[in-house]
Amino acid sequence: MKLRRFACLIAVLVLTLSVAACTTGKADGVSGDTSQNASDKTSDNTSAEYPITIKHAFGETVIEKKPERIAAIGWGNMDVPLALGVVPVGVSQANYGVTEGEKLLPWTAEKFISLGVNNPVVFDDIDGLDFEAINDVQPDVILAAYSGITQEEYDILSQIAPTVAYPRAAWDIGWREQIIMNATGMGMKAEGEALVADLEKLISQRLEAYPQLKDKTAAFFYVYPADFSTFYIYLMKDPRAAFLIDLGLKVPDSVAKLAEGETSFAIEVSSEKADLLSDIDIIIAYGDETVLNHMQADPLMGTIPAVKRGSVVMLQDNTPLAASVNPSALSIPYTIDEYLKLIAEAAEKVK
């Protein structure tokens, strides 16, 4: 049972993005602007000096000249060039937060359309990287700052084009660093830094409408509805937990204590320790009202004050909102109002 539950946790961690094997699926057709045309419109005045060297987990990548054709794989990396007004020549398919038949999350799809591209090239890479399709779009650089590519995959990608990999470990990067690393790979570091500043300003402005969040503590849980004997709490290494701090919330002392010495993205907690979590004001978790009802009925988990009073934000699984809590350059402005509203409603229940 624990193996199954942990497998589910891992699936949610990477939002079911698998980049482990090479497939031969073909990419969709493309129309409208290419990344070359779009970058001509938005970044001719960039102050980048070449060559640019980017250090990452696999060594370093050198960009010899301004890249015009941008490919993006992994999670949310395509949102960086799009947010900067540059249309990628090819991007990874989203397989979490989308309905059947959809290949891109709504904020990504709508941004493509706003930049004049109705049918972008989307790599069929759910079951593994499609190296053939990536090569076919002839990229000048491949953005993969938030991904799970292996050394072997990085080596293959680097034969296609200079590849911007993650800085430390797979899936270990926050949205700010993701934006700046990818923007640097495009020769647009200054623009990336400005984008981060704009998003921080947006978040700050939106928070002004929710004074009830001030000094509230929050934790992001992963629960397995079939077995509440243990559950997981995401730690600050995970973007979901870190984003709660961006939204003005605090790490509960109890969670900080449990996390001492931990290097993972999440910690497993026995429900027998539920009494230690009394200082959590708000809980965020995947699920629905039925899952919350079962949590409240559980003899151990139901004793956690936040669960008992219902100050819990349940995110319907596999929805755009559930995907957006792992934030990107485009998901933040797209869903922040909805997310803050739900958190504020939970905060109102805290006495």
Protein backbone atom coordinates (compact mmCIF):
# COMPACT_ATOMS: atom_id res chain seq x y z
CA MET A 1 0.00 0.00 0.00
CA LYS A 2 2.79 2.42 0.87
CA LEU A 3 4.55 1.75 -2.43
CA ARG A 4 1.38 2.53 -4.33
CA ARG A 5 0.77 5.69 -2.32
CA PHE A 6 4.35 6.89 -2.82
CA ALA A 7 4.09 6.20 -6.55
CA CYS A 8 1.04 8.45 -6.65
CA LEU A 9 2.96 11.15 -4.81
CA ILE A 10 5.80 11.00 -7.31
CA ALA A 11 3.30 11.17 -10.16
CA VAL A 12 1.86 14.36 -8.75
CA LEU A 13 5.32 15.75 -8.04
CA VAL A 14 6.31 15.72 -11.68
CA LEU A 15 2.71 16.21 -12.81
CA THR A 16 3.01 12.87 -14.58
CA LEU A 17 5.61 14.26 -16.97
CA SER A 18 7.82 11.39 -18.08
CA VAL A 19 10.94 12.16 -20.05
CA ALA A 20 12.63 8.80 -19.91
CA ALA A 21 12.56 7.34 -23.42
CA CYS A 22 12.77 8.20 -27.10
CA THR A 23 9.55 7.90 -29.10
CA THR A 24 8.80 8.43 -32.76
CA GLY A 25 5.52 10.33 -32.52
CA LYS A 26 5.17 13.25 -34.90
CA ALA A 27 4.68 16.87 -33.96
CA ASP A 28 1.66 18.90 -34.90
CA GLY A 29 1.82 21.42 -37.73
CA VAL A 30 2.69 25.05 -37.10
CA SER A 31 1.26 28.28 -38.42
CA GLY A 32 1.77 31.95 -37.66
CA ASP A 33 4.98 33.45 -36.24
CA THR A 34 8.03 31.32 -35.60
CA SER A 35 10.25 32.05 -32.65
CA GLN A 36 12.63 33.79 -35.04
CA ASN A 37 9.99 36.29 -36.15
CA ALA A 38 8.67 36.85 -32.64
CA SER A 39 12.11 37.36 -31.16
CA ASP A 40 12.88 39.89 -33.87
CA LYS A 41 9.87 41.86 -32.62
CA THR A 42 10.65 41.70 -28.92
CA SER A 43 14.36 41.38 -28.24
CA ASP A 44 16.40 43.11 -30.93
CA ASN A 45 17.58 45.57 -28.29
CA THR A 46 18.74 42.95 -25.81
CA SER A 47 22.03 43.82 -24.16
CA ALA A 48 23.25 40.22 -23.98
CA GLU A 49 26.89 39.67 -24.83
CA TYR A 50 28.01 36.41 -26.38
CA PRO A 51 29.12 33.80 -25.76
CA ILE A 52 26.82 33.12 -22.79
CA THR A 53 27.79 30.32 -20.40
CA ILE A 54 25.11 28.69 -18.24
CA LYS A 55 26.13 26.29 -15.47
CA HIS A 56 23.79 23.43 -14.57
CA ALA A 57 23.66 19.92 -13.14
CA PHE A 58 25.36 18.36 -16.18
CA GLY A 59 28.14 20.91 -16.51
CA GLU A 60 27.71 24.03 -18.56
CA THR A 61 26.09 25.14 -21.80
CA VAL A 62 27.62 27.77 -24.04
CA ILE A 63 25.40 29.89 -26.27
CA GLU A 64 27.66 31.27 -29.00
CA LYS A 65 25.19 33.66 -30.60
CA LYS A 66 21.65 34.91 -30.16
CA PRO A 67 19.26 31.95 -30.57
CA GLU A 68 16.36 32.62 -32.90
CA ARG A 69 14.60 29.25 -32.83
CA ILE A 70 13.58 28.27 -29.30
CA ALA A 71 12.38 24.80 -28.28
CA ALA A 72 11.12 24.08 -24.77
CA ILE A 73 10.61 20.74 -23.03
CA GLY A 74 9.55 19.78 -19.52
CA TRP A 75 7.13 21.69 -17.31
CA GLY A 76 6.40 25.39 -17.79
CA ASN A 77 9.60 26.16 -19.69
CA MET A 78 7.67 27.14 -22.80
CA ASP A 79 5.84 29.80 -20.77
CA VAL A 80 9.05 31.80 -20.39
CA PRO A 81 9.61 32.68 -24.06
CA LEU A 82 5.87 33.12 -24.55
CA ALA A 83 5.68 35.55 -21.63
CA LEU A 84 8.57 37.44 -23.22
CA GLY A 85 6.75 37.61 -26.54
CA VAL A 86 8.79 34.92 -28.28
CA VAL A 87 7.01 32.00 -29.93
CA PRO A 88 8.81 28.66 -29.47
CA VAL A 89 9.22 26.48 -32.55
CA GLY A 90 8.24 23.42 -30.51
CA VAL A 91 7.10 22.60 -26.96
CA SER A 92 6.33 19.62 -24.75
CA GLN A 93 2.78 18.36 -24.45
CA ALA A 94 0.98 18.92 -21.15
CA ASN A 95 -0.51 15.77 -19.69
CA TYR A 96 -1.76 17.15 -16.40
CA GLY A 97 -4.45 19.77 -15.94
CA VAL A 98 -5.84 19.31 -19.43
CA THR A 99 -9.00 17.65 -20.70
CA GLU A 100 -8.97 14.85 -23.25
CA GLY A 101 -7.92 16.15 -26.63
CA GLU A 102 -6.13 19.18 -25.22
CA LYS A 103 -2.36 19.31 -25.54
CA LEU A 104 -1.53 22.57 -23.79
CA LEU A 105 -2.62 24.20 -20.56
CA PRO A 106 -5.02 27.09 -21.19
CA TRP A 107 -2.59 29.90 -20.33
CA THR A 108 -0.04 28.45 -22.76
CA ALA A 109 -2.55 27.83 -25.54
CA GLU A 110 -4.09 31.29 -25.21
CA LYS A 111 -0.69 32.97 -25.27
CA PHE A 112 0.22 31.18 -28.48
CA ILE A 113 -3.02 32.46 -30.02
CA SER A 114 -2.41 36.01 -28.81
CA LEU A 115 0.98 35.88 -30.54
CA GLY A 116 -0.63 34.76 -33.78
CA VAL A 117 -0.08 30.99 -33.63
CA ASN A 118 -3.18 28.81 -33.63
CA ASN A 119 -1.46 25.46 -34.22
CA PRO A 120 1.91 25.39 -32.48
CA VAL A 121 4.26 22.44 -32.77
CA VAL A 122 3.62 20.20 -29.76
CA PHE A 123 5.95 17.28 -29.17
CA ASP A 124 4.28 13.93 -28.47
CA ASP A 125 6.56 13.29 -25.51
CA ILE A 126 4.28 12.06 -22.74
CA ASP A 127 5.92 8.63 -22.85
CA GLY A 128 9.43 9.92 -23.48
CA LEU A 129 11.30 12.63 -25.32
CA ASP A 130 10.69 12.69 -29.06
CA PHE A 131 14.21 13.48 -30.19
CA GLU A 132 13.27 13.19 -33.85
CA ALA A 133 10.53 15.81 -33.53
CA ILE A 134 12.79 18.11 -31.53
CA ASN A 135 15.47 17.80 -34.19
CA ASP A 136 12.90 18.45 -36.93
CA VAL A 137 12.13 21.97 -35.63
CA GLN A 138 15.85 22.84 -35.90
CA PRO A 139 16.15 24.71 -32.59
CA ASP A 140 19.03 27.03 -31.77
CA VAL A 141 18.53 26.35 -28.06
CA ILE A 142 16.47 23.90 -25.98
CA LEU A 143 15.01 25.15 -22.70
CA ALA A 144 14.73 22.48 -20.00
CA ALA A 145 15.46 24.29 -16.74
CA TYR A 146 12.47 22.63 -15.06
CA SER A 147 12.53 19.04 -16.23
CA GLY A 148 13.66 15.56 -15.33
CA ILE A 149 16.04 14.85 -18.20
CA THR A 150 18.79 12.34 -17.57
CA GLN A 151 22.48 12.65 -18.43
CA GLU A 152 21.92 10.42 -21.47
CA GLU A 153 18.99 12.52 -22.65
CA TYR A 154 20.93 15.73 -22.07
CA ASP A 155 23.79 14.38 -24.17
CA ILE A 156 21.43 13.59 -27.05
CA LEU A 157 19.65 16.94 -26.79
CA SER A 158 22.98 18.75 -26.77
CA GLN A 159 23.80 17.17 -30.12
CA ILE A 160 20.66 18.83 -31.48
CA ALA A 161 21.19 22.25 -29.88
CA PRO A 162 22.66 23.85 -26.74
CA THR A 163 20.43 22.73 -23.88
CA VAL A 164 19.63 24.63 -20.67
CA ALA A 165 19.24 21.96 -17.98
CA TYR A 166 18.25 22.24 -14.32
CA PRO A 167 20.75 23.79 -11.88
CA ARG A 168 20.98 21.05 -9.23
CA ALA A 169 18.68 18.04 -9.49
CA ALA A 170 15.69 16.96 -11.55
CA TRP A 171 12.60 19.09 -10.91
CA ASP A 172 14.51 21.16 -8.33
CA ILE A 173 13.98 24.79 -9.30
CA GLY A 174 11.65 27.62 -8.30
CA TRP A 175 9.68 29.74 -10.74
CA ARG A 176 12.01 32.74 -10.44
CA GLU A 177 15.14 30.74 -11.19
CA GLN A 178 13.32 28.87 -13.95
CA ILE A 179 12.44 32.13 -15.67
CA ILE A 180 15.91 33.63 -15.36
CA MET A 181 17.78 30.48 -16.46
CA ASN A 182 15.58 30.01 -19.51
CA ALA A 183 15.64 33.71 -20.37
CA THR A 184 19.43 33.67 -20.09
CA GLY A 185 19.52 30.80 -22.56
CA MET A 186 17.53 32.98 -24.95
CA GLY A 187 19.93 35.89 -24.52
CA MET A 188 17.22 37.75 -22.61
CA LYS A 189 18.39 37.62 -19.00
CA ALA A 190 17.52 41.27 -18.33
CA GLU A 191 14.05 40.74 -19.75
CA GLY A 192 13.68 37.62 -17.60
CA GLU A 193 14.64 39.53 -14.48
CA ALA A 194 12.12 42.23 -15.39
CA LEU A 195 9.45 39.56 -15.86
CA VAL A 196 10.18 38.17 -12.39
CA ALA A 197 9.88 41.67 -10.93
CA ASP A 198 6.57 42.20 -12.73
CA LEU A 199 5.18 38.93 -11.39
CA GLU A 200 6.32 39.75 -7.87
CA LYS A 201 4.58 43.11 -8.17
CA LEU A 202 1.41 41.42 -9.45
CA ILE A 203 1.39 39.00 -6.52
CA SER A 204 1.92 41.83 -4.05
CA GLN A 205 -0.93 43.84 -5.56
CA ARG A 206 -3.32 40.89 -5.47
CA LEU A 207 -2.45 40.15 -1.84
CA GLU A 208 -3.64 43.62 -0.83
CA ALA A 209 -7.22 42.41 -1.29
CA TYR A 210 -6.74 39.57 1.22
CA PRO A 211 -5.64 40.94 4.61
CA GLN A 212 -7.06 37.80 6.24
CA LEU A 213 -3.99 35.90 5.00
CA LYS A 214 -1.61 37.97 7.11
CA ASP A 215 0.29 35.85 9.66
CA LYS A 216 -1.57 32.69 8.63
CA THR A 217 0.35 29.44 8.38
CA ALA A 218 -0.21 26.93 5.61
CA ALA A 219 1.01 23.54 4.45
CA PHE A 220 0.51 21.62 1.21
CA PHE A 221 -0.53 18.00 1.86
CA TYR A 222 -0.70 14.96 -0.35
CA VAL A 223 -3.22 12.43 0.95
CA TYR A 224 -4.11 9.02 -0.39
CA PRO A 225 -7.90 8.67 0.07
CA ALA A 226 -7.78 4.89 0.42
CA ASP A 227 -5.38 5.04 3.37
CA PHE A 228 -5.10 7.96 5.79
CA SER A 229 -2.63 6.17 8.07
CA THR A 230 0.13 8.29 6.57
CA PHE A 231 0.23 11.37 4.37
CA TYR A 232 2.84 13.68 2.90
CA ILE A 233 3.65 17.33 3.43
CA TYR A 234 5.49 19.14 0.66
CA LEU A 235 8.58 21.02 1.83
CA MET A 236 10.11 24.28 0.64
CA LYS A 237 12.18 22.48 -1.97
CA ASP A 238 8.91 21.82 -3.79
CA PRO A 239 7.49 24.73 -5.86
CA ARG A 240 3.99 24.21 -4.45
CA ALA A 241 5.10 24.77 -0.88
CA ALA A 242 7.41 27.62 -1.83
CA PHE A 243 4.60 29.37 -3.72
CA LEU A 244 2.54 29.55 -0.53
CA ILE A 245 5.24 31.80 0.93
CA ASP A 246 4.95 34.02 -2.14
CA LEU A 247 1.25 34.29 -1.33
CA GLY A 248 1.95 35.76 2.09
CA LEU A 249 1.60 32.57 4.13
CA LYS A 250 4.05 31.19 6.67
CA VAL A 251 5.61 27.79 7.24
CA PRO A 252 4.12 26.28 10.43
CA ASP A 253 6.69 25.66 13.16
CA SER A 254 5.55 22.05 13.34
CA VAL A 255 6.31 21.49 9.65
CA ALA A 256 9.66 23.26 9.93
CA LYS A 257 10.58 20.98 12.82
CA LEU A 258 9.53 17.83 10.96
CA ALA A 259 11.56 19.00 7.96
CA GLU A 260 14.81 19.42 9.89
CA GLY A 261 17.56 17.50 8.13
CA GLU A 262 15.32 16.57 5.21
CA THR A 263 16.64 17.04 1.68
CA SER A 264 13.63 15.64 -0.15
CA PHE A 265 10.70 17.55 -1.65
CA ALA A 266 8.23 16.03 0.83
CA ILE A 267 8.10 14.27 4.16
CA GLU A 268 5.94 11.30 5.11
CA VAL A 269 3.96 11.85 8.31
CA SER A 270 2.11 9.24 10.33
CA SER A 271 -1.44 10.19 11.24
CA GLU A 272 -0.50 9.21 14.77
CA LYS A 273 1.45 12.49 14.85
CA ALA A 274 -1.63 14.52 13.96
CA ASP A 275 -1.53 16.21 17.35
CA LEU A 276 1.78 17.85 16.39
CA LEU A 277 0.14 19.80 13.56
CA SER A 278 -2.17 22.03 15.58
CA ASP A 279 -0.40 25.20 14.41
CA ILE A 280 -1.37 24.75 10.75
CA ASP A 281 -4.05 27.31 9.91
CA ILE A 282 -4.68 26.28 6.30
CA ILE A 283 -4.12 23.04 4.43
CA ILE A 284 -4.00 22.75 0.65
CA ALA A 285 -4.46 19.30 -0.88
CA TYR A 286 -5.54 17.56 -4.07
CA GLY A 287 -9.06 16.17 -4.00
CA ASP A 288 -12.65 17.22 -3.61
CA GLU A 289 -15.31 17.68 -0.94
CA THR A 290 -15.72 13.92 -0.62
CA VAL A 291 -12.04 13.50 0.19
CA LEU A 292 -12.28 16.28 2.77
CA ASN A 293 -15.29 14.61 4.36
CA HIS A 294 -13.34 11.37 4.65
CA MET A 295 -10.39 13.24 6.16
CA GLN A 296 -12.69 14.78 8.76
CA ALA A 297 -14.22 11.40 9.56
CA ASP A 298 -10.84 9.74 10.07
CA PRO A 299 -10.20 9.19 13.81
CA LEU A 300 -6.63 10.50 13.58
CA MET A 301 -6.41 12.90 10.65
CA GLY A 302 -9.77 14.34 11.64
CA THR A 303 -8.23 15.66 14.87
CA ILE A 304 -5.96 18.10 13.03
CA PRO A 305 -7.60 21.48 13.78
CA ALA A 306 -7.43 22.69 10.17
CA VAL A 307 -9.11 19.50 8.97
CA LYS A 308 -11.69 19.57 11.74
CA ARG A 309 -12.80 23.16 11.05
CA GLY A 310 -12.57 22.77 7.28
CA SER A 311 -9.92 25.41 6.62
CA VAL A 312 -8.74 23.25 3.75
CA VAL A 313 -8.40 24.14 0.07
CA MET A 314 -9.23 21.06 -1.98
CA LEU A 315 -7.87 21.28 -5.52
CA GLN A 316 -9.81 19.16 -7.98
CA ASP A 317 -7.25 16.77 -9.44
CA ASN A 318 -6.14 17.16 -13.06
CA THR A 319 -7.60 20.64 -13.48
CA PRO A 320 -5.81 23.79 -14.67
CA LEU A 321 -5.91 25.19 -11.14
CA ALA A 322 -4.32 22.04 -9.73
CA ALA A 323 -1.60 22.33 -12.36
CA SER A 324 -1.05 26.03 -11.68
CA VAL A 325 0.02 25.59 -8.06
CA ASN A 326 3.30 24.42 -9.58
CA PRO A 327 3.72 27.97 -10.90
CA SER A 328 5.07 29.26 -14.19
CA ALA A 329 5.52 32.62 -15.87
CA LEU A 330 2.03 32.41 -17.40
CA SER A 331 0.09 30.37 -14.85
CA ILE A 332 0.66 32.90 -12.06
CA PRO A 333 -1.30 35.78 -13.64
CA TYR A 334 -3.83 33.35 -15.11
CA THR A 335 -4.93 31.66 -11.85
CA ILE A 336 -3.72 33.76 -8.93
CA ASP A 337 -7.13 35.35 -8.32
CA GLU A 338 -8.90 31.99 -8.18
CA TYR A 339 -6.25 30.46 -5.94
CA LEU A 340 -6.15 33.40 -3.52
CA LYS A 341 -9.94 33.43 -3.29
CA LEU A 342 -9.99 29.78 -2.21
CA ILE A 343 -7.19 30.28 0.30
CA ALA A 344 -8.95 33.36 1.71
CA GLU A 345 -12.18 31.39 2.13
CA ALA A 346 -10.24 28.80 4.13
CA ALA A 347 -8.58 31.55 6.17
CA GLU A 348 -11.99 32.92 7.15
CA LYS A 349 -12.63 29.66 9.02
CA VAL A 350 -9.58 30.12 11.22
CA LYS A 351 -10.54 31.54 14.61
